[in-house]
């Protein structure tokens, strides 16, 4: 007896949209059991993770703040994933965007002007796109996997950022800490809600969701991206260029990642430091798939993942839950999402060995038929 995996003839669209909330529910159940085994009160831990941040204005403000970069990056990644362009290096593109935008802020340090922040945004988008152009060029010219190149470039960007804040861009009055000067007021994002850290980047994230939905659902470009990803032969017949699609999707994703990096250093951080985010570029991959590669779904998924970050901090302070709980919850969510996707697209069938099947057939034959057969 063995198991055989077979693709389903038809994939249920309703089940595809139902699996993300089921995956979240399965994650909550699994986390309940895991926290109990670790010796923590599971009810209290889950309350801190998923409920407490939603009960205060400050918690909701932090939720919007942390969801914004996740949503921006995920919308860009989703465009590429629909075209089978697998950009895994959004974290590095985020860092390069932060470096380019932060460099503009440091260049005009001590100066004030409304034009500084827009110039920083343009530089950040350009920095992210320049980093994304490397895997795009290697893929389209040499056929090199964009997965490996974009991922490895993340570590190059990380080392480059550390070099800058430990070397030429180090704050001379920073008590020898690895950090740049604090940005001036003109180089920081305006606050939307007094008493919180919510800045104008939240509005930009919502704008990105709207534009992403229009492009992917209501434009020829979106149709081209979907066709190249789902039916390459038909795309070539229709005259859609795969090379152009690779460049467009990688530039869109890397540009948005770079802008998200700027919003972090020009927003809640206010300077360049070696660790800009807790891994938003990688978490955004989970957000994209949890949101079913749809901008509106990504918005909801981004809020869920942001809640895991805020809730983990709350549980760490409240009951000493390890900081690794964030990664643990996110890993379980990804596992259940992939497992449910697999079961939606494939079925597992029990197959008996041929000898056993023949014996079963022989045993089911009438006695006289057996004699004739022999």
Foldseek 3Di string as FASTA:
>chain_A
DDKDKDFDPDFDPVLLLVLLVVLLVVLLVVQLVVCVVVPHNSVVLVCLLFPVLVPDPQSVLLLLVQLLLLLLLLLLQLLCVLLVQHQLQLLLLQLQLQVQLQVLLVVQAPDADLVSQVVSLVRLLVRLLVLLVVLLCCCVPPVDRNHVSSNVSSVVSLVVLQCCQQPVQPDPPPPNASWHDFGDPSNAFDADDPPYQRGPSSVVSVVSLVVSQCCLPPDPNNVLSNCSRPPVVVSVVVVRDSSVSSSVSSSSSSSSSSSSSSNQCRTPNRTRGSQRDPCSSNLSNVLCVSLVSHSVSSSVSSSSLSSSQSSLVSCCVPPNDDSCSSVVSSVSSSVSSVVSVSVSGMPMDDDDDPVVVVVVVVVPDDPVVNVVVD
